Structures are given as structure tokens and as C-alpha cells.
Amino acid sequence: MAATIKWRSLLCDYNQLQLKATLLGGQSFRWKNFKPTALDQHETEFIGVFANIVWVLRQTERELQYRIVGEQPYPNKA
């Protein structure tokens, strides 16, 4: 059984960053738009690779939420 991947968030107002326009606006080619599961109420999530890590992003009015799929390739430094 796969573990649920925890969402993390950064404070970022929707007016400061609009994911759909930023990631699908023609200048970024590695991000894909997909519908989340039926249990999730968010309209849109985006999946892409950055720095050899698979990221899933979504946005609320006040937060940019993200999660990393799989293991982190870089160890956490103390």
C-alpha cells in the first residue's frame, strides 16, 4: 500500500502567482495539467519535473501547495 503524500504550502496570494497562466502560457513546456481525484475539491493540479524531482502543484486563494512524488534525491542537510 502506498503512503499518502503530504501537501506542503507556501504563502502566496493568487494575485501574485497564477499557476495556470505561468505553467501553461507557452514559455514552460514540462508541466501538464490534470484533474485531481474525485475526493479532492481543487479544480486543477499540475505535474512536472524540476531539478530531477517530480512535483505536483495546486493553488488556493492564499497558498501555493506542492508535494514531491517519490523520494527526494538530495539528502536534507542538518
PDB file of N, CA and C in Angstrom:
ATOM      1  N   MET A   1       0.837  -1.177   0.000  1.00  0.00           N
ATOM      2  CA  MET A   1       0.000   0.000   0.000  1.00  0.00           C
ATOM      3  C   MET A   1       0.887   1.248   0.000  1.00  0.00           C
ATOM      4  N   ALA A   2       0.611   2.155  -0.892  1.00  0.00           N
ATOM      5  CA  ALA A   2       1.407   3.380  -0.996  1.00  0.00           C
ATOM      6  C   ALA A   2       1.003   4.372   0.088  1.00  0.00           C
ATOM      7  N   ALA A   3       1.976   5.061   0.612  1.00  0.00           N
ATOM      8  CA  ALA A   3       1.708   6.084   1.626  1.00  0.00           C
ATOM      9  C   ALA A   3       1.158   7.339   0.958  1.00  0.00           C
ATOM     10  N   THR A   4       0.286   8.031   1.658  1.00  0.00           N
ATOM     11  CA  THR A   4      -0.247   9.289   1.156  1.00  0.00           C
ATOM     12  C   THR A   4       0.839  10.350   1.213  1.00  0.00           C
ATOM     13  N   ILE A   5       0.985  11.068   0.134  1.00  0.00           N
ATOM     14  CA  ILE A   5       1.998  12.116   0.071  1.00  0.00           C
ATOM     15  C   ILE A   5       1.412  13.385   0.668  1.00  0.00           C
ATOM     16  N   LYS A   6       2.087  13.939   1.643  1.00  0.00           N
ATOM     17  CA  LYS A   6       1.602  15.122   2.354  1.00  0.00           C
ATOM     18  C   LYS A   6       1.776  16.385   1.502  1.00  0.00           C
ATOM     19  N   TRP A   7       0.738  17.204   1.478  1.00  0.00           N
ATOM     20  CA  TRP A   7       0.825  18.509   0.827  1.00  0.00           C
ATOM     21  C   TRP A   7       1.567  19.468   1.742  1.00  0.00           C
ATOM     22  N   ARG A   8       2.407  20.279   1.158  1.00  0.00           N
ATOM     23  CA  ARG A   8       3.084  21.359   1.875  1.00  0.00           C
ATOM     24  C   ARG A   8       2.652  22.657   1.213  1.00  0.00           C
ATOM     25  N   SER A   9       2.856  23.770   1.888  1.00  0.00           N
ATOM     26  CA  SER A   9       2.365  25.018   1.302  1.00  0.00           C
ATOM     27  C   SER A   9       3.314  26.175   1.540  1.00  0.00           C
ATOM     28  N   LEU A  10       3.213  27.133   0.635  1.00  0.00           N
ATOM     29  CA  LEU A  10       3.923  28.407   0.720  1.00  0.00           C
ATOM     30  C   LEU A  10       2.866  29.501   0.644  1.00  0.00           C
ATOM     31  N   LEU A  11       2.979  30.502   1.497  1.00  0.00           N
ATOM     32  CA  LEU A  11       2.041  31.619   1.412  1.00  0.00           C
ATOM     33  C   LEU A  11       2.300  32.377   0.120  1.00  0.00           C
ATOM     34  N   CYS A  12       1.298  32.444  -0.698  1.00  0.00           N
ATOM     35  CA  CYS A  12       1.424  33.125  -1.987  1.00  0.00           C
ATOM     36  C   CYS A  12       0.015  33.428  -2.475  1.00  0.00           C
ATOM     37  N   ASP A  13      -0.360  34.681  -2.448  1.00  0.00           N
ATOM     38  CA  ASP A  13      -1.688  35.101  -2.861  1.00  0.00           C
ATOM     39  C   ASP A  13      -1.908  34.803  -4.345  1.00  0.00           C
ATOM     40  N   TYR A  14      -3.118  34.420  -4.684  1.00  0.00           N
ATOM     41  CA  TYR A  14      -3.460  34.092  -6.066  1.00  0.00           C
ATOM     42  C   TYR A  14      -3.146  35.244  -7.022  1.00  0.00           C
ATOM     43  N   ASN A  15      -3.287  36.469  -6.559  1.00  0.00           N
ATOM     44  CA  ASN A  15      -2.999  37.634  -7.407  1.00  0.00           C
ATOM     45  C   ASN A  15      -1.515  37.796  -7.697  1.00  0.00           C
ATOM     46  N   GLN A  16      -0.653  37.205  -6.884  1.00  0.00           N
ATOM     47  CA  GLN A  16       0.791  37.292  -7.092  1.00  0.00           C
ATOM     48  C   GLN A  16       1.298  36.239  -8.072  1.00  0.00           C
ATOM     49  N   LEU A  17       0.662  35.075  -8.092  1.00  0.00           N
ATOM     50  CA  LEU A  17       1.087  33.983  -8.963  1.00  0.00           C
ATOM     51  C   LEU A  17      -0.132  33.196  -9.400  1.00  0.00           C
ATOM     52  N   GLN A  18      -0.313  33.069 -10.692  1.00  0.00           N
ATOM     53  CA  GLN A  18      -1.406  32.274 -11.230  1.00  0.00           C
ATOM     54  C   GLN A  18      -0.792  31.085 -11.961  1.00  0.00           C
ATOM     55  N   LEU A  19      -0.880  29.908 -11.348  1.00  0.00           N
ATOM     56  CA  LEU A  19      -0.207  28.725 -11.877  1.00  0.00           C
ATOM     57  C   LEU A  19      -0.587  28.409 -13.314  1.00  0.00           C
ATOM     58  N   LYS A  20      -1.858  28.443 -13.622  1.00  0.00           N
ATOM     59  CA  LYS A  20      -2.290  28.078 -14.970  1.00  0.00           C
ATOM     60  C   LYS A  20      -1.624  28.962 -16.020  1.00  0.00           C
ATOM     61  N   ALA A  21      -1.653  30.250 -15.831  1.00  0.00           N
ATOM     62  CA  ALA A  21      -1.039  31.170 -16.790  1.00  0.00           C
ATOM     63  C   ALA A  21       0.478  31.003 -16.827  1.00  0.00           C
ATOM     64  N   THR A  22       1.084  30.772 -15.675  1.00  0.00           N
ATOM     65  CA  THR A  22       2.536  30.643 -15.596  1.00  0.00           C
ATOM     66  C   THR A  22       3.025  29.351 -16.235  1.00  0.00           C
ATOM     67  N   LEU A  23       2.391  28.240 -15.923  1.00  0.00           N
ATOM     68  CA  LEU A  23       2.889  26.939 -16.370  1.00  0.00           C
ATOM     69  C   LEU A  23       2.401  26.532 -17.751  1.00  0.00           C
ATOM     70  N   LEU A  24       1.272  27.075 -18.185  1.00  0.00           N
ATOM     71  CA  LEU A  24       0.725  26.692 -19.488  1.00  0.00           C
ATOM     72  C   LEU A  24       0.719  27.842 -20.478  1.00  0.00           C
ATOM     73  N   GLY A  25       1.425  28.921 -20.183  1.00  0.00           N
ATOM     74  CA  GLY A  25       1.388  30.119 -21.007  1.00  0.00           C
ATOM     75  C   GLY A  25       2.280  30.111 -22.234  1.00  0.00           C
ATOM     76  N   GLY A  26       2.937  29.001 -22.545  1.00  0.00           N
ATOM     77  CA  GLY A  26       3.737  28.922 -23.754  1.00  0.00           C
ATOM     78  C   GLY A  26       5.231  29.034 -23.545  1.00  0.00           C
ATOM     79  N   GLN A  27       5.675  29.383 -22.368  1.00  0.00           N
ATOM     80  CA  GLN A  27       7.109  29.503 -22.106  1.00  0.00           C
ATOM     81  C   GLN A  27       7.641  28.345 -21.259  1.00  0.00           C
ATOM     82  N   SER A  28       6.770  27.523 -20.774  1.00  0.00           N
ATOM     83  CA  SER A  28       7.146  26.383 -19.939  1.00  0.00           C
ATOM     84  C   SER A  28       6.564  25.134 -20.596  1.00  0.00           C
ATOM     85  N   PHE A  29       7.406  24.153 -20.876  1.00  0.00           N
ATOM     86  CA  PHE A  29       6.959  23.018 -21.678  1.00  0.00           C
ATOM     87  C   PHE A  29       6.941  21.692 -20.933  1.00  0.00           C
ATOM     88  N   ARG A  30       7.315  21.672 -19.685  1.00  0.00           N
ATOM     89  CA  ARG A  30       7.428  20.409 -18.959  1.00  0.00           C
ATOM     90  C   ARG A  30       6.331  20.195 -17.923  1.00  0.00           C
ATOM     91  N   TRP A  31       5.347  21.040 -17.890  1.00  0.00           N
ATOM     92  CA  TRP A  31       4.270  20.929 -16.906  1.00  0.00           C
ATOM     93  C   TRP A  31       2.990  20.501 -17.604  1.00  0.00           C
ATOM     94  N   LYS A  32       2.252  19.610 -16.970  1.00  0.00           N
ATOM     95  CA  LYS A  32       0.986  19.118 -17.520  1.00  0.00           C
ATOM     96  C   LYS A  32      -0.135  19.387 -16.524  1.00  0.00           C
ATOM     97  N   ASN A  33      -1.277  19.717 -17.049  1.00  0.00           N
ATOM     98  CA  ASN A  33      -2.477  19.976 -16.265  1.00  0.00           C
ATOM     99  C   ASN A  33      -3.245  18.663 -16.152  1.00  0.00           C
ATOM    100  N   PHE A  34      -3.729  18.331 -14.964  1.00  0.00           N
ATOM    101  CA  PHE A  34      -4.565  17.144 -14.825  1.00  0.00           C
ATOM    102  C   PHE A  34      -5.598  17.346 -13.734  1.00  0.00           C
ATOM    103  N   LYS A  35      -6.661  16.577 -13.824  1.00  0.00           N
ATOM    104  CA  LYS A  35      -7.740  16.654 -12.833  1.00  0.00           C
ATOM    105  C   LYS A  35      -7.364  15.794 -11.633  1.00  0.00           C
ATOM    106  N   PRO A  36      -7.540  16.317 -10.432  1.00  0.00           N
ATOM    107  CA  PRO A  36      -7.272  15.517  -9.239  1.00  0.00           C
ATOM    108  C   PRO A  36      -8.353  14.465  -9.030  1.00  0.00           C
ATOM    109  N   THR A  37      -8.180  13.654  -8.025  1.00  0.00           N
ATOM    110  CA  THR A  37      -9.152  12.604  -7.722  1.00  0.00           C
ATOM    111  C   THR A  37     -10.496  13.211  -7.342  1.00  0.00           C
ATOM    112  N   ALA A  38     -11.521  12.406  -7.412  1.00  0.00           N
ATOM    113  CA  ALA A  38     -12.876  12.879  -7.099  1.00  0.00           C
ATOM    114  C   ALA A  38     -12.999  13.329  -5.646  1.00  0.00           C
ATOM    115  N   LEU A  39     -12.154  12.809  -4.767  1.00  0.00           N
ATOM    116  CA  LEU A  39     -12.219  13.185  -3.359  1.00  0.00           C
ATOM    117  C   LEU A  39     -11.624  14.558  -3.095  1.00  0.00           C
ATOM    118  N   ASP A  40     -10.819  15.033  -4.005  1.00  0.00           N
ATOM    119  CA  ASP A  40     -10.132  16.310  -3.839  1.00  0.00           C
ATOM    120  C   ASP A  40     -10.975  17.416  -4.464  1.00  0.00           C
ATOM    121  N   GLN A  41     -11.180  18.502  -3.750  1.00  0.00           N
ATOM    122  CA  GLN A  41     -12.041  19.579  -4.221  1.00  0.00           C
ATOM    123  C   GLN A  41     -11.317  20.620  -5.071  1.00  0.00           C
ATOM    124  N   HIS A  42     -10.003  20.524  -5.197  1.00  0.00           N
ATOM    125  CA  HIS A  42      -9.277  21.500  -6.003  1.00  0.00           C
ATOM    126  C   HIS A  42      -9.586  21.269  -7.480  1.00  0.00           C
ATOM    127  N   GLU A  43      -9.695  22.349  -8.221  1.00  0.00           N
ATOM    128  CA  GLU A  43     -10.054  22.249  -9.628  1.00  0.00           C
ATOM    129  C   GLU A  43      -8.932  21.663 -10.467  1.00  0.00           C
ATOM    130  N   THR A  44      -7.739  22.127 -10.263  1.00  0.00           N
ATOM    131  CA  THR A  44      -6.649  21.784 -11.156  1.00  0.00           C
ATOM    132  C   THR A  44      -5.364  21.548 -10.388  1.00  0.00           C
ATOM    133  N   GLU A  45      -4.621  20.563 -10.845  1.00  0.00           N
ATOM    134  CA  GLU A  45      -3.277  20.333 -10.340  1.00  0.00           C
ATOM    135  C   GLU A  45      -2.356  20.272 -11.549  1.00  0.00           C
ATOM    136  N   PHE A  46      -1.098  20.524 -11.309  1.00  0.00           N
ATOM    137  CA  PHE A  46      -0.098  20.487 -12.363  1.00  0.00           C
ATOM    138  C   PHE A  46       1.008  19.548 -11.932  1.00  0.00           C
ATOM    139  N   ILE A  47       1.537  18.791 -12.883  1.00  0.00           N
ATOM    140  CA  ILE A  47       2.631  17.882 -12.588  1.00  0.00           C
ATOM    141  C   ILE A  47       3.772  18.186 -13.547  1.00  0.00           C
ATOM    142  N   GLY A  48       4.990  18.156 -13.022  1.00  0.00           N
ATOM    143  CA  GLY A  48       6.154  18.432 -13.847  1.00  0.00           C
ATOM    144  C   GLY A  48       7.425  18.042 -13.127  1.00  0.00           C
ATOM    145  N   VAL A  49       8.524  18.107 -13.861  1.00  0.00           N
ATOM    146  CA  VAL A  49       9.833  17.769 -13.307  1.00  0.00           C
ATOM    147  C   VAL A  49      10.661  19.034 -13.224  1.00  0.00           C
ATOM    148  N   PHE A  50      11.248  19.252 -12.059  1.00  0.00           N
ATOM    149  CA  PHE A  50      12.163  20.370 -11.842  1.00  0.00           C
ATOM    150  C   PHE A  50      13.276  19.864 -10.943  1.00  0.00           C
ATOM    151  N   ALA A  51      14.535  20.065 -11.347  1.00  0.00           N
ATOM    152  CA  ALA A  51      15.709  19.636 -10.581  1.00  0.00           C
ATOM    153  C   ALA A  51      15.664  18.133 -10.292  1.00  0.00           C
ATOM    154  N   ASN A  52      15.283  17.357 -11.296  1.00  0.00           N
ATOM    155  CA  ASN A  52      15.211  15.894 -11.192  1.00  0.00           C
ATOM    156  C   ASN A  52      14.231  15.406 -10.134  1.00  0.00           C
ATOM    157  N   ILE A  53      13.241  16.207  -9.806  1.00  0.00           N
ATOM    158  CA  ILE A  53      12.210  15.855  -8.834  1.00  0.00           C
ATOM    159  C   ILE A  53      10.850  16.030  -9.511  1.00  0.00           C
ATOM    160  N   VAL A  54       9.950  15.071  -9.304  1.00  0.00           N
ATOM    161  CA  VAL A  54       8.584  15.189  -9.818  1.00  0.00           C
ATOM    162  C   VAL A  54       7.760  15.955  -8.783  1.00  0.00           C
ATOM    163  N   TRP A  55       7.186  17.065  -9.224  1.00  0.00           N
ATOM    164  CA  TRP A  55       6.404  17.943  -8.353  1.00  0.00           C
ATOM    165  C   TRP A  55       4.946  17.924  -8.788  1.00  0.00           C
ATOM    166  N   VAL A  56       4.049  18.026  -7.829  1.00  0.00           N
ATOM    167  CA  VAL A  56       2.631  18.258  -8.097  1.00  0.00           C
ATOM    168  C   VAL A  56       2.291  19.575  -7.413  1.00  0.00           C
ATOM    169  N   LEU A  57       1.703  20.498  -8.167  1.00  0.00           N
ATOM    170  CA  LEU A  57       1.378  21.828  -7.654  1.00  0.00           C
ATOM    171  C   LEU A  57      -0.120  22.076  -7.757  1.00  0.00           C
ATOM    172  N   ARG A  58      -0.630  22.826  -6.817  1.00  0.00           N
ATOM    173  CA  ARG A  58      -2.005  23.315  -6.878  1.00  0.00           C
ATOM    174  C   ARG A  58      -2.050  24.638  -6.128  1.00  0.00           C
ATOM    175  N   GLN A  59      -3.157  25.359  -6.296  1.00  0.00           N
ATOM    176  CA  GLN A  59      -3.217  26.706  -5.738  1.00  0.00           C
ATOM    177  C   GLN A  59      -4.558  26.963  -5.084  1.00  0.00           C
ATOM    178  N   THR A  60      -4.520  27.681  -3.964  1.00  0.00           N
ATOM    179  CA  THR A  60      -5.727  28.196  -3.329  1.00  0.00           C
ATOM    180  C   THR A  60      -5.653  29.720  -3.426  1.00  0.00           C
ATOM    181  N   GLU A  61      -6.606  30.399  -2.859  1.00  0.00           N
ATOM    182  CA  GLU A  61      -6.589  31.868  -2.895  1.00  0.00           C
ATOM    183  C   GLU A  61      -5.367  32.445  -2.182  1.00  0.00           C
ATOM    184  N   ARG A  62      -4.853  31.745  -1.173  1.00  0.00           N
ATOM    185  CA  ARG A  62      -3.766  32.289  -0.352  1.00  0.00           C
ATOM    186  C   ARG A  62      -2.490  31.462  -0.334  1.00  0.00           C
ATOM    187  N   GLU A  63      -2.498  30.275  -0.934  1.00  0.00           N
ATOM    188  CA  GLU A  63      -1.338  29.393  -0.845  1.00  0.00           C
ATOM    189  C   GLU A  63      -1.009  28.727  -2.168  1.00  0.00           C
ATOM    190  N   LEU A  64       0.272  28.471  -2.358  1.00  0.00           N
ATOM    191  CA  LEU A  64       0.759  27.571  -3.387  1.00  0.00           C
ATOM    192  C   LEU A  64       1.054  26.268  -2.658  1.00  0.00           C
ATOM    193  N   GLN A  65       0.380  25.200  -3.039  1.00  0.00           N
ATOM    194  CA  GLN A  65       0.578  23.917  -2.376  1.00  0.00           C
ATOM    195  C   GLN A  65       1.360  23.003  -3.304  1.00  0.00           C
ATOM    196  N   TYR A  66       2.219  22.193  -2.714  1.00  0.00           N
ATOM    197  CA  TYR A  66       3.047  21.300  -3.514  1.00  0.00           C
ATOM    198  C   TYR A  66       3.303  20.003  -2.772  1.00  0.00           C
ATOM    199  N   ARG A  67       3.653  19.003  -3.548  1.00  0.00           N
ATOM    200  CA  ARG A  67       4.145  17.759  -2.972  1.00  0.00           C
ATOM    201  C   ARG A  67       5.135  17.136  -3.941  1.00  0.00           C
ATOM    202  N   ILE A  68       6.024  16.368  -3.389  1.00  0.00           N
ATOM    203  CA  ILE A  68       7.058  15.701  -4.168  1.00  0.00           C
ATOM    204  C   ILE A  68       6.653  14.244  -4.311  1.00  0.00           C
ATOM    205  N   VAL A  69       6.734  13.723  -5.526  1.00  0.00           N
ATOM    206  CA  VAL A  69       6.391  12.333  -5.780  1.00  0.00           C
ATOM    207  C   VAL A  69       7.670  11.510  -5.726  1.00  0.00           C
ATOM    208  N   GLY A  70       7.682  10.485  -4.912  1.00  0.00           N
ATOM    209  CA  GLY A  70       8.861   9.635  -4.773  1.00  0.00           C
ATOM    210  C   GLY A  70       9.801  10.168  -3.710  1.00  0.00           C
ATOM    211  N   GLU A  71      10.983   9.609  -3.680  1.00  0.00           N
ATOM    212  CA  GLU A  71      11.973  10.014  -2.689  1.00  0.00           C
ATOM    213  C   GLU A  71      12.705  11.264  -3.139  1.00  0.00           C
ATOM    214  N   GLN A  72      13.135  12.058  -2.176  1.00  0.00           N
ATOM    215  CA  GLN A  72      13.950  13.218  -2.501  1.00  0.00           C
ATOM    216  C   GLN A  72      15.337  12.732  -2.908  1.00  0.00           C
ATOM    217  N   PRO A  73      15.847  13.186  -4.050  1.00  0.00           N
ATOM    218  CA  PRO A  73      17.168  12.738  -4.486  1.00  0.00           C
ATOM    219  C   PRO A  73      18.308  13.392  -3.717  1.00  0.00           C
ATOM    220  N   TYR A  74      18.001  14.442  -2.971  1.00  0.00           N
ATOM    221  CA  TYR A  74      19.042  15.158  -2.240  1.00  0.00           C
ATOM    222  C   TYR A  74      18.787  15.010  -0.747  1.00  0.00           C
ATOM    223  N   PRO A  75      19.775  14.595   0.020  1.00  0.00           N
ATOM    224  CA  PRO A  75      19.555  14.449   1.463  1.00  0.00           C
ATOM    225  C   PRO A  75      19.351  15.803   2.130  1.00  0.00           C
ATOM    226  N   ASN A  76      18.552  15.803   3.190  1.00  0.00           N
ATOM    227  CA  ASN A  76      18.371  17.029   3.971  1.00  0.00           C
ATOM    228  C   ASN A  76      19.641  17.311   4.748  1.00  0.00           C
ATOM    229  N   LYS A  77      20.095  18.541   4.718  1.00  0.00           N
ATOM    230  CA  LYS A  77      21.292  18.920   5.471  1.00  0.00           C
ATOM    231  C   LYS A  77      20.872  19.462   6.825  1.00  0.00           C
ATOM    232  N   ALA A  78      21.582  19.045   7.858  1.00  0.00           N
ATOM    233  CA  ALA A  78      21.255  19.492   9.219  1.00  0.00           C
ATOM    234  C   ALA A  78      21.823  20.861   9.487  1.00  0.00           C
TER     235      ALA A  78
END
